[in-house]
Protein backbone atom coordinates (compact mmCIF):
# COMPACT_ATOMS: atom_id res chain seq x y z
CA MET A 1 169.32 -32.65 106.37
CA GLU A 2 166.02 -33.31 108.18
CA ASP A 3 163.13 -35.61 107.28
CA GLU A 4 159.46 -34.59 107.01
CA GLN A 5 159.04 -34.74 110.81
CA GLY A 6 162.02 -32.45 111.33
CA ARG A 7 164.23 -35.25 112.65
CA ARG A 8 167.81 -35.75 111.56
CA PRO A 9 168.64 -39.21 110.20
CA ALA A 10 170.88 -41.39 112.30
CA PRO A 11 174.54 -41.06 111.32
CA ALA A 12 176.09 -43.96 109.42
CA CYS A 13 178.49 -46.17 111.32
CA CYS A 14 181.39 -48.24 110.02
CA TYR A 15 180.23 -51.75 109.14
CA ARG A 16 183.35 -53.20 110.78
CA HIS A 17 183.33 -50.86 113.79
CA PRO A 18 179.67 -50.10 114.65
CA ASP A 19 180.69 -47.66 117.39
CA ARG A 20 182.38 -45.28 114.91
CA GLU A 21 180.39 -42.74 112.92
CA THR A 22 181.55 -41.96 109.39
CA GLY A 23 180.55 -40.11 106.25
CA ILE A 24 182.69 -42.19 103.87
CA SER A 25 181.52 -45.27 101.98
CA CYS A 26 183.39 -47.93 100.02
CA VAL A 27 183.29 -47.06 96.31
CA ARG A 28 182.61 -50.70 95.41
CA CYS A 29 180.03 -51.95 97.90
CA ASP A 30 178.79 -48.60 99.32
CA ARG A 31 179.13 -49.78 102.92
CA PRO A 32 180.21 -47.07 105.39
CA ILE A 33 183.83 -47.29 106.52
CA CYS A 34 185.84 -45.45 109.19
CA PRO A 35 189.38 -44.07 108.72
CA ASP A 36 190.95 -47.29 110.00
CA CYS A 37 189.14 -49.27 107.30
CA MET A 38 189.73 -46.88 104.39
CA ILE A 39 192.08 -48.26 101.76
CA PRO A 40 192.94 -45.71 99.05
CA ALA A 41 191.83 -46.71 95.56
CA SER A 42 192.34 -45.04 92.19
CA VAL A 43 189.12 -43.17 92.93
CA GLY A 44 187.88 -42.80 96.52
CA PHE A 45 188.35 -45.52 99.15
CA GLN A 46 187.60 -49.24 99.36
CA CYS A 47 186.86 -51.40 102.37
CA PRO A 48 189.22 -54.24 103.35
CA GLU A 49 186.78 -56.92 102.20
CA CYS A 50 186.49 -55.51 98.67
CA VAL A 51 190.27 -55.13 98.42
CA ARG A 52 190.68 -58.76 99.40
CA GLY A 53 188.27 -59.82 96.69
CA GLY A 54 185.23 -60.31 98.93
CA SER A 55 186.70 -63.16 100.98
CA GLY A 56 184.60 -62.15 104.00
CA LYS A 57 187.44 -63.12 106.39
CA ASP A 58 188.85 -59.73 107.10
CA GLY A 59 186.52 -58.45 109.81
CA PRO A 60 187.77 -57.71 113.31
CA GLY A 61 189.97 -60.55 114.30
CA GLY A 62 189.81 -61.97 110.79
CA GLY A 63 192.42 -62.00 108.15
CA GLY A 64 193.25 -63.23 104.75
CA ALA A 65 196.23 -64.47 102.87
CA PRO A 66 198.33 -61.63 101.48
CA GLY A 67 198.12 -63.27 98.08
CA ALA A 68 194.34 -62.83 98.11
CA VAL A 69 194.60 -59.05 97.91
CA ARG A 70 193.39 -57.96 94.48
CA PRO A 71 192.91 -54.19 94.32
CA ARG A 72 190.26 -53.20 91.81
CA THR A 73 189.09 -49.97 90.30
CA LEU A 74 185.63 -48.51 90.79
CA ALA A 75 184.38 -50.48 87.77
CA GLY A 76 186.18 -53.68 88.76
CA GLY A 77 189.24 -53.31 86.54
CA ALA A 78 192.76 -54.12 87.65
CA VAL A 79 194.62 -51.34 89.46
CA VAL A 80 197.83 -50.51 87.57
CA ALA A 81 200.75 -48.19 88.19
CA ASP A 82 200.49 -46.27 84.92
CA THR A 83 196.95 -44.98 84.55
CA ARG A 84 197.82 -43.09 81.37
CA LEU A 85 199.08 -45.96 79.22
CA VAL A 86 195.99 -46.44 77.02
CA THR A 87 195.51 -42.67 76.80
CA LYS A 88 199.10 -42.24 75.61
CA VAL A 89 198.70 -45.02 73.03
CA LEU A 90 195.51 -43.46 71.67
CA LEU A 91 197.11 -40.04 71.57
CA GLY A 92 200.13 -41.49 69.77
CA LEU A 93 197.97 -43.23 67.16
CA ASN A 94 196.13 -40.00 66.43
CA LEU A 95 199.39 -38.08 66.05
CA VAL A 96 200.88 -40.74 63.76
CA MET A 97 197.78 -40.67 61.55
CA PHE A 98 197.86 -36.86 61.49
CA LEU A 99 201.44 -36.92 60.24
CA ALA A 100 200.46 -39.54 57.67
CA VAL A 101 197.64 -37.29 56.44
CA LEU A 102 200.04 -34.36 56.12
CA THR A 103 202.48 -36.38 54.03
CA SER A 104 199.94 -38.21 51.85
CA GLY A 105 197.74 -35.29 50.93
CA ASP A 106 194.07 -36.13 50.37
CA ARG A 107 194.59 -39.78 49.47
CA LEU A 108 194.49 -41.11 53.01
CA VAL A 109 191.52 -38.93 53.91
CA GLU A 110 189.58 -40.10 50.87
CA ALA A 111 190.37 -43.73 51.69
CA LEU A 112 189.61 -43.73 55.44
CA SER A 113 187.21 -40.88 56.24
CA MET A 114 183.57 -41.50 57.17
CA VAL A 115 181.48 -41.61 53.98
CA GLY A 116 178.08 -43.26 53.75
CA TYR A 117 177.78 -43.87 50.02
CA ALA A 118 179.27 -41.84 47.17
CA TYR A 119 180.50 -42.30 43.63
CA ASP A 120 184.20 -41.68 43.04
CA PRO A 121 184.74 -40.64 39.41
CA GLU A 122 188.52 -41.05 39.67
CA ILE A 123 188.22 -44.80 40.17
CA SER A 124 184.77 -45.12 38.56
CA GLN A 125 183.16 -46.96 41.46
CA TRP A 126 181.02 -46.46 44.55
CA VAL A 127 182.77 -46.00 47.88
CA GLY A 128 181.71 -45.71 51.50
CA VAL A 129 180.25 -47.83 54.28
CA ALA A 130 177.33 -48.96 52.12
CA ALA A 131 179.85 -50.18 49.53
CA GLY A 132 181.32 -52.58 52.07
CA GLU A 133 183.99 -50.27 53.50
CA TRP A 134 182.86 -50.74 57.12
CA TYR A 135 186.31 -49.91 58.44
CA ARG A 136 185.59 -46.24 57.75
CA MET A 137 183.36 -46.24 60.83
CA LEU A 138 186.45 -46.51 63.04
CA SER A 139 189.34 -45.37 60.86
CA SER A 140 187.74 -41.93 60.47
CA ALA A 141 188.00 -41.43 64.25
CA PHE A 142 191.80 -41.35 63.97
CA LEU A 143 191.98 -38.81 61.13
CA HIS A 144 192.54 -35.06 61.42
CA GLN A 145 193.47 -32.49 58.82
CA GLU A 146 193.77 -29.22 60.75
CA VAL A 147 196.17 -28.48 63.59
CA TRP A 148 193.42 -26.84 65.67
CA HIS A 149 191.19 -29.90 65.25
CA ILE A 150 193.68 -32.48 66.47
CA GLY A 151 195.00 -30.04 69.07
CA PHE A 152 191.60 -29.57 70.68
CA ASN A 153 190.74 -33.28 70.59
CA MET A 154 194.08 -34.43 71.98
CA LEU A 155 194.00 -31.81 74.73
CA ALA A 156 190.57 -33.09 75.77
CA LEU A 157 191.80 -36.69 75.57
CA TRP A 158 194.78 -35.92 77.80
CA TRP A 159 192.58 -34.07 80.30
CA LEU A 160 189.71 -36.57 80.50
CA GLY A 161 191.39 -39.87 79.65
CA PRO A 162 193.65 -40.59 82.64
CA GLN A 163 190.89 -40.08 85.22
CA LEU A 164 188.58 -42.44 83.36
CA GLU A 165 191.37 -44.94 82.74
CA ALA A 166 192.13 -44.99 86.47
CA ALA A 167 188.48 -45.36 87.47
CA LEU A 168 187.41 -47.91 84.86
CA GLY A 169 190.55 -49.90 84.17
CA ARG A 170 192.40 -50.13 80.89
CA TRP A 171 190.21 -52.50 78.88
CA ARG A 172 186.90 -50.98 79.95
CA TYR A 173 188.25 -47.52 79.19
CA LEU A 174 189.44 -48.63 75.75
CA ALA A 175 186.05 -50.21 75.03
CA LEU A 176 184.36 -46.96 76.06
CA TYR A 177 186.57 -44.93 73.71
CA LEU A 178 186.21 -47.18 70.67
CA LEU A 179 182.46 -47.75 71.04
CA SER A 180 181.90 -44.01 71.50
CA ALA A 181 183.78 -43.43 68.25
CA LEU A 182 181.63 -46.05 66.53
CA GLY A 183 178.47 -44.59 68.06
CA GLY A 184 179.32 -41.20 66.58
CA SER A 185 179.96 -42.72 63.17
CA ALA A 186 176.73 -44.73 63.34
CA LEU A 187 174.56 -41.67 63.95
CA THR A 188 176.43 -39.82 61.21
CA TYR A 189 175.79 -42.71 58.83
CA LEU A 190 172.11 -42.81 59.77
CA VAL A 191 171.28 -39.09 59.68
CA ALA A 192 173.84 -37.20 57.59
CA ALA A 193 173.80 -36.95 53.80
CA GLN A 194 175.07 -40.15 52.21
CA ASN A 195 177.94 -38.44 50.39
CA GLN A 196 178.92 -36.17 53.30
CA GLY A 197 182.40 -36.93 54.56
CA SER A 198 183.49 -36.53 58.17
CA LEU A 199 186.55 -37.31 60.24
CA GLY A 200 188.05 -36.72 63.66
CA ALA A 201 188.10 -38.17 67.18
CA SER A 202 185.28 -35.90 68.37
CA GLY A 203 182.77 -38.75 68.73
CA ALA A 204 185.12 -40.62 71.06
CA ILE A 205 185.98 -37.42 72.95
CA TYR A 206 182.32 -36.61 73.52
CA GLY A 207 181.93 -40.14 74.82
CA LEU A 208 184.62 -39.32 77.39
CA PHE A 209 182.77 -36.12 78.29
CA GLY A 210 179.61 -38.10 78.97
CA ALA A 211 181.47 -40.76 80.93
CA THR A 212 183.20 -38.12 83.07
CA ALA A 213 179.82 -36.62 83.97
CA VAL A 214 178.51 -40.07 84.95
CA LEU A 215 181.61 -40.76 87.04
CA ALA A 216 181.40 -37.38 88.78
CA ARG A 217 177.78 -38.08 89.64
CA ARG A 218 178.64 -41.55 90.94
CA MET A 219 181.37 -40.14 93.20
CA ASN A 220 179.25 -37.19 94.35
CA TYR A 221 181.81 -34.74 92.99
CA ASP A 222 181.01 -31.18 91.98
CA MET A 223 179.57 -31.62 88.49
CA ARG A 224 179.53 -27.95 87.55
CA PRO A 225 182.98 -27.88 85.86
CA ILE A 226 182.29 -30.80 83.52
CA LEU A 227 178.71 -29.67 82.79
CA VAL A 228 179.85 -26.14 81.95
CA LEU A 229 182.59 -27.48 79.69
CA LEU A 230 180.14 -29.84 78.00
CA ALA A 231 177.62 -27.04 77.52
CA ILE A 232 180.27 -24.85 75.88
CA ASN A 233 181.25 -27.63 73.51
CA LEU A 234 177.65 -28.38 72.59
CA PHE A 235 177.07 -24.69 71.92
CA ILE A 236 180.08 -24.69 69.56
CA THR A 237 178.81 -27.89 67.95
CA PHE A 238 175.47 -26.41 66.95
CA ARG A 239 176.55 -22.84 66.29
CA LEU A 240 179.64 -23.21 64.11
CA PRO A 241 179.40 -24.47 60.52
CA ASN A 242 181.04 -27.60 59.13
CA ILE A 243 180.89 -29.50 62.41
CA SER A 244 179.39 -32.98 62.49
CA TRP A 245 176.90 -32.69 65.32
CA GLU A 246 175.80 -36.25 64.57
CA ALA A 247 179.22 -37.63 65.58
CA HIS A 248 179.25 -35.53 68.75
CA ILE A 249 175.78 -36.52 69.91
CA GLY A 250 176.22 -40.16 68.93
CA GLY A 251 179.47 -40.39 70.87
CA LEU A 252 178.02 -38.55 73.87
CA VAL A 253 174.98 -40.82 74.18
CA THR A 254 177.09 -43.94 73.74
CA GLY A 255 179.58 -42.79 76.38
CA VAL A 256 176.86 -42.01 78.92
CA VAL A 257 175.12 -45.37 78.50
CA ILE A 258 178.32 -47.40 78.70
CA ALA A 259 179.77 -45.45 81.63
CA TYR A 260 176.54 -45.77 83.61
CA ALA A 261 176.61 -49.54 83.21
CA LEU A 262 180.31 -49.73 84.10
CA VAL A 263 180.13 -47.76 87.35
CA HIS A 264 176.62 -48.72 88.52
CA ALA A 265 176.66 -52.45 87.77
CA PRO A 266 175.77 -54.42 90.93
CA ARG A 267 178.80 -56.17 92.30
CA ALA A 268 177.20 -59.63 92.24
CA ARG A 269 176.47 -59.36 88.50
CA ARG A 270 179.11 -56.84 87.48
CA ALA A 271 180.70 -58.79 84.62
CA ALA A 272 177.34 -59.80 83.12
CA VAL A 273 175.96 -56.25 83.23
CA GLN A 274 179.13 -54.61 81.94
CA TYR A 275 179.89 -57.03 79.12
CA GLY A 276 176.21 -57.29 78.26
CA THR A 277 175.95 -53.51 77.91
CA LEU A 278 179.06 -53.33 75.74
CA ALA A 279 177.71 -56.12 73.52
CA ALA A 280 174.29 -54.48 73.36
CA MET A 281 175.75 -51.14 72.29
CA LEU A 282 177.81 -52.83 69.60
CA LEU A 283 174.70 -54.67 68.41
CA VAL A 284 172.74 -51.39 68.23
CA ILE A 285 175.51 -49.86 66.14
CA LEU A 286 175.54 -52.84 63.79
CA VAL A 287 171.75 -52.76 63.41
CA ILE A 288 171.82 -49.04 62.60
CA CYS A 289 174.46 -49.64 59.96
CA ALA A 290 172.59 -52.59 58.47
CA VAL A 291 169.31 -50.65 58.29
CA ARG A 292 170.98 -47.62 56.72
CA THR A 293 172.88 -49.77 54.22
CA ALA A 294 169.69 -51.54 53.14
CA GLU A 295 168.03 -48.14 52.72
CA LEU A 296 170.85 -46.77 50.56
CA LEU A 297 171.14 -49.87 48.39
CA GLY A 298 167.42 -50.65 48.21
């Protein structure tokens, strides 16, 4: 690529070996690194200094104690051998709840699905989030009634989850999943009819879609596959009846915001930015719920 004067920019050189040109950068600090300095990470490559925890003693002729090596993911999470553990646990919980729904009939769905505020004549009382049943915001994300519904969601979870779990680390990935589910429920609570019930992991799954797009952009990967898949799913969301578009859009927006903070947080303030964003998103969800509850009960 040439600049406005038609000149080609100078090639990047390895920060540890200035005489070596390279097109690869460390996924954590973005400094250019040559093949001799590339250390494979869960996603991309890291430089020796980032792998050693930023000790600054590993330049040419330097070194560091072997015990100082602390491999980290792109988002700063711990590198683990099994990058599917959280995904498998989430998938297992959804399957267990699906079997419970099949064996309990409508009772479990009525007790745990997402309902804003409705009167239940069988028990002669009001039910829903506005009635104090806040747990429905999250419990509904683990409920499915149809085989095709849970099949589609779990297939998407198995396809998207491991890559995000490897790139973000287990706890950040879990926070992304749960907050995306809550974000979908929050928008449903705010916009949908108060007595309209909804259930399913779609809000969390759409959060994973958004996070995958952010990660692909961060790594300069070809974004066309994930964007095409997302476009197809959004088309289905708005074209087919009986689909909670509120949960899908709420989860998608939440996933994009959280993922951007996780993978773009500056290294010097990574923890503050990441935890602050997670706390801020949770606060937004709580404020939405409080405002909607006051509106329904006012």
